[in-house]
Amino acid sequence: MANELILIVEDNEKNRKLVRDVLTFTGYRLAEAETGEDGVRLARELHPDLILMDIQLPGMNGIAALGQIRQDPAIAGTPVIAVTASAMTHDRQKIMASGFDGYQSKPINVKEFLAAVRAMLDEPR
């Protein structure tokens, strides 16, 4: 379907640019934040269809930001995919146990990344 609004919460400009370019080319609308605090604020303001959240962020990390999102009834049901360089098995288990809906490791595999985004957006909520 595309045209859905995706919020990217990523502090690294190169990583954000890659995700932005891939998603824009595919037809999604985007909003971007560089910190967990800004990510939560934008999620509350924009009610995106999907949030892509880095874990290692300045200030509030991605797990804490997810906690705030899940506590807000207006956005608690928004799907959130962790996009992180923390690729160790125990890191992934900890991240998923904290309430993320999906997990993508960096550097992203564009084909797998786009498939995961589409699958998450297509899941009934």
C-alpha atoms as a PDB file:
ATOM      1  CA  MET A   1       0.000   0.000   0.000  1.00  0.00           C
ATOM      2  CA  ALA A   2       2.806   2.415   0.976  1.00  0.00           C
ATOM      3  CA  ASN A   3       2.085   6.045   1.863  1.00  0.00           C
ATOM      4  CA  GLU A   4       1.985   4.971   5.530  1.00  0.00           C
ATOM      5  CA  LEU A   5       3.808   7.228   8.002  1.00  0.00           C
ATOM      6  CA  ILE A   6       6.940   5.709   9.516  1.00  0.00           C
ATOM      7  CA  LEU A   7       8.847   7.371  12.357  1.00  0.00           C
ATOM      8  CA  ILE A   8      12.600   6.739  12.282  1.00  0.00           C
ATOM      9  CA  VAL A   9      14.341   7.219  15.644  1.00  0.00           C
ATOM     10  CA  GLU A  10      18.071   7.033  14.893  1.00  0.00           C
ATOM     11  CA  ASP A  11      20.947   9.259  16.023  1.00  0.00           C
ATOM     12  CA  ASN A  12      23.441   8.255  13.322  1.00  0.00           C
ATOM     13  CA  GLU A  13      22.947  10.380  10.193  1.00  0.00           C
ATOM     14  CA  LYS A  14      24.373   7.763   7.797  1.00  0.00           C
ATOM     15  CA  ASN A  15      22.063   5.053   9.151  1.00  0.00           C
ATOM     16  CA  ARG A  16      19.102   7.446   9.076  1.00  0.00           C
ATOM     17  CA  LYS A  17      19.896   8.454   5.480  1.00  0.00           C
ATOM     18  CA  LEU A  18      20.009   4.832   4.293  1.00  0.00           C
ATOM     19  CA  VAL A  19      16.675   4.005   5.932  1.00  0.00           C
ATOM     20  CA  ARG A  20      15.189   7.291   4.688  1.00  0.00           C
ATOM     21  CA  ASP A  21      16.320   6.676   1.105  1.00  0.00           C
ATOM     22  CA  VAL A  22      15.063   3.081   1.035  1.00  0.00           C
ATOM     23  CA  LEU A  23      11.677   3.916   2.563  1.00  0.00           C
ATOM     24  CA  THR A  24      11.136   7.095   0.546  1.00  0.00           C
ATOM     25  CA  PHE A  25      11.903   5.230  -2.687  1.00  0.00           C
ATOM     26  CA  THR A  26       9.301   2.640  -1.684  1.00  0.00           C
ATOM     27  CA  GLY A  27       6.655   5.343  -1.182  1.00  0.00           C
ATOM     28  CA  TYR A  28       6.412   5.690   2.579  1.00  0.00           C
ATOM     29  CA  ARG A  29       6.035   9.047   4.329  1.00  0.00           C
ATOM     30  CA  LEU A  30       8.645   9.669   7.010  1.00  0.00           C
ATOM     31  CA  ALA A  31       9.279  11.580  10.192  1.00  0.00           C
ATOM     32  CA  GLU A  32      12.660  11.513  11.911  1.00  0.00           C
ATOM     33  CA  ALA A  33      14.036  11.941  15.410  1.00  0.00           C
ATOM     34  CA  GLU A  34      17.608  11.731  16.705  1.00  0.00           C
ATOM     35  CA  THR A  35      16.822  11.077  20.389  1.00  0.00           C
ATOM     36  CA  GLY A  36      14.471   8.853  22.325  1.00  0.00           C
ATOM     37  CA  GLU A  37      12.808  11.893  23.854  1.00  0.00           C
ATOM     38  CA  ASP A  38      12.094  13.414  20.424  1.00  0.00           C
ATOM     39  CA  GLY A  39      10.930  10.029  19.160  1.00  0.00           C
ATOM     40  CA  VAL A  40       8.336   9.742  21.934  1.00  0.00           C
ATOM     41  CA  ARG A  41       7.225  13.352  21.378  1.00  0.00           C
ATOM     42  CA  LEU A  42       6.812  12.838  17.626  1.00  0.00           C
ATOM     43  CA  ALA A  43       5.004   9.532  18.144  1.00  0.00           C
ATOM     44  CA  ARG A  44       2.495  11.346  20.371  1.00  0.00           C
ATOM     45  CA  GLU A  45       2.080  14.208  17.884  1.00  0.00           C
ATOM     46  CA  LEU A  46       1.979  12.261  14.611  1.00  0.00           C
ATOM     47  CA  HIS A  47       0.554   8.824  15.510  1.00  0.00           C
ATOM     48  CA  PRO A  48       2.746   7.026  12.943  1.00  0.00           C
ATOM     49  CA  ASP A  49       1.783   3.675  11.447  1.00  0.00           C
ATOM     50  CA  LEU A  50       5.160   2.201  12.437  1.00  0.00           C
ATOM     51  CA  ILE A  51       8.191   3.251  14.493  1.00  0.00           C
ATOM     52  CA  LEU A  52      11.739   2.142  13.699  1.00  0.00           C
ATOM     53  CA  MET A  53      13.738   2.569  16.916  1.00  0.00           C
ATOM     54  CA  ASP A  54      17.478   2.433  17.456  1.00  0.00           C
ATOM     55  CA  ILE A  55      18.438   1.116  20.894  1.00  0.00           C
ATOM     56  CA  GLN A  56      21.626   3.099  21.550  1.00  0.00           C
ATOM     57  CA  LEU A  57      20.446   6.717  21.569  1.00  0.00           C
ATOM     58  CA  PRO A  58      21.753   9.801  23.352  1.00  0.00           C
ATOM     59  CA  GLY A  59      19.773  10.539  26.519  1.00  0.00           C
ATOM     60  CA  MET A  60      16.871   8.121  26.741  1.00  0.00           C
ATOM     61  CA  ASN A  61      17.702   4.817  25.047  1.00  0.00           C
ATOM     62  CA  GLY A  62      15.327   2.996  22.731  1.00  0.00           C
ATOM     63  CA  ILE A  63      14.092   0.562  25.386  1.00  0.00           C
ATOM     64  CA  ALA A  64      13.139   3.426  27.731  1.00  0.00           C
ATOM     65  CA  ALA A  65      11.493   5.298  24.840  1.00  0.00           C
ATOM     66  CA  LEU A  66       9.476   2.180  23.988  1.00  0.00           C
ATOM     67  CA  GLY A  67       8.381   1.977  27.617  1.00  0.00           C
ATOM     68  CA  GLN A  68       6.967   5.510  27.424  1.00  0.00           C
ATOM     69  CA  ILE A  69       5.218   4.729  24.135  1.00  0.00           C
ATOM     70  CA  ARG A  70       3.619   1.590  25.600  1.00  0.00           C
ATOM     71  CA  GLN A  71       2.372   3.569  28.639  1.00  0.00           C
ATOM     72  CA  ASP A  72       0.529   6.134  26.485  1.00  0.00           C
ATOM     73  CA  PRO A  73      -2.910   4.757  25.542  1.00  0.00           C
ATOM     74  CA  ALA A  74      -3.060   6.908  22.387  1.00  0.00           C
ATOM     75  CA  ILE A  75       0.045   5.261  20.861  1.00  0.00           C
ATOM     76  CA  ALA A  76       0.547   2.086  22.919  1.00  0.00           C
ATOM     77  CA  GLY A  77      -0.570  -0.130  20.029  1.00  0.00           C
ATOM     78  CA  THR A  78       1.821   1.369  17.489  1.00  0.00           C
ATOM     79  CA  PRO A  79       4.140  -1.340  16.174  1.00  0.00           C
ATOM     80  CA  VAL A  80       7.805  -0.671  16.971  1.00  0.00           C
ATOM     81  CA  ILE A  81      10.723  -2.453  15.320  1.00  0.00           C
ATOM     82  CA  ALA A  82      14.131  -2.297  16.999  1.00  0.00           C
ATOM     83  CA  VAL A  83      16.831  -1.479  14.441  1.00  0.00           C
ATOM     84  CA  THR A  84      20.146  -1.996  16.172  1.00  0.00           C
ATOM     85  CA  ALA A  85      23.753  -3.059  15.899  1.00  0.00           C
ATOM     86  CA  SER A  86      23.264  -5.151  19.080  1.00  0.00           C
ATOM     87  CA  ALA A  87      23.125  -8.446  17.224  1.00  0.00           C
ATOM     88  CA  MET A  88      24.216 -10.891  19.927  1.00  0.00           C
ATOM     89  CA  THR A  89      21.583 -13.519  20.749  1.00  0.00           C
ATOM     90  CA  HIS A  90      21.189 -12.361  24.367  1.00  0.00           C
ATOM     91  CA  ASP A  91      20.854  -8.731  23.214  1.00  0.00           C
ATOM     92  CA  ARG A  92      18.121  -9.705  20.788  1.00  0.00           C
ATOM     93  CA  GLN A  93      16.284 -11.692  23.479  1.00  0.00           C
ATOM     94  CA  LYS A  94      16.487  -8.754  25.916  1.00  0.00           C
ATOM     95  CA  ILE A  95      15.279  -6.311  23.263  1.00  0.00           C
ATOM     96  CA  MET A  96      12.333  -8.484  22.214  1.00  0.00           C
ATOM     97  CA  ALA A  97      11.442  -9.196  25.864  1.00  0.00           C
ATOM     98  CA  SER A  98      11.188  -5.436  26.459  1.00  0.00           C
ATOM     99  CA  GLY A  99       8.168  -5.268  24.151  1.00  0.00           C
ATOM    100  CA  PHE A 100       9.384  -4.556  20.628  1.00  0.00           C
ATOM    101  CA  ASP A 101       7.264  -6.021  17.835  1.00  0.00           C
ATOM    102  CA  GLY A 102      10.219  -6.833  15.609  1.00  0.00           C
ATOM    103  CA  TYR A 103      13.979  -6.723  15.311  1.00  0.00           C
ATOM    104  CA  GLN A 104      16.326  -5.767  12.474  1.00  0.00           C
ATOM    105  CA  SER A 105      20.088  -5.788  12.858  1.00  0.00           C
ATOM    106  CA  LYS A 106      22.438  -3.186  11.398  1.00  0.00           C
ATOM    107  CA  PRO A 107      23.785  -2.915   8.876  1.00  0.00           C
ATOM    108  CA  ILE A 108      20.387  -3.552   7.353  1.00  0.00           C
ATOM    109  CA  ASN A 109      19.796  -5.982   4.535  1.00  0.00           C
ATOM    110  CA  VAL A 110      17.561  -3.807   2.344  1.00  0.00           C
ATOM    111  CA  LYS A 111      15.399  -6.629   0.973  1.00  0.00           C
ATOM    112  CA  GLU A 112      14.830  -8.226   4.410  1.00  0.00           C
ATOM    113  CA  PHE A 113      14.304  -4.791   5.993  1.00  0.00           C
ATOM    114  CA  LEU A 114      11.620  -3.779   3.494  1.00  0.00           C
ATOM    115  CA  ALA A 115       9.905  -7.159   3.865  1.00  0.00           C
ATOM    116  CA  ALA A 116       9.864  -6.782   7.673  1.00  0.00           C
ATOM    117  CA  VAL A 117       8.459  -3.238   7.433  1.00  0.00           C
ATOM    118  CA  ARG A 118       5.727  -4.329   5.019  1.00  0.00           C
ATOM    119  CA  ALA A 119       4.843  -7.395   7.101  1.00  0.00           C
ATOM    120  CA  MET A 120       4.557  -5.275  10.259  1.00  0.00           C
ATOM    121  CA  LEU A 121       2.341  -2.716   8.531  1.00  0.00           C
ATOM    122  CA  ASP A 122       0.133  -5.463   7.093  1.00  0.00           C
ATOM    123  CA  GLU A 123      -0.456  -7.148  10.473  1.00  0.00           C
ATOM    124  CA  PRO A 124      -3.975  -6.545  11.746  1.00  0.00           C
ATOM    125  CA  ARG A 125      -4.035  -4.351  14.875  1.00  0.00           C
END
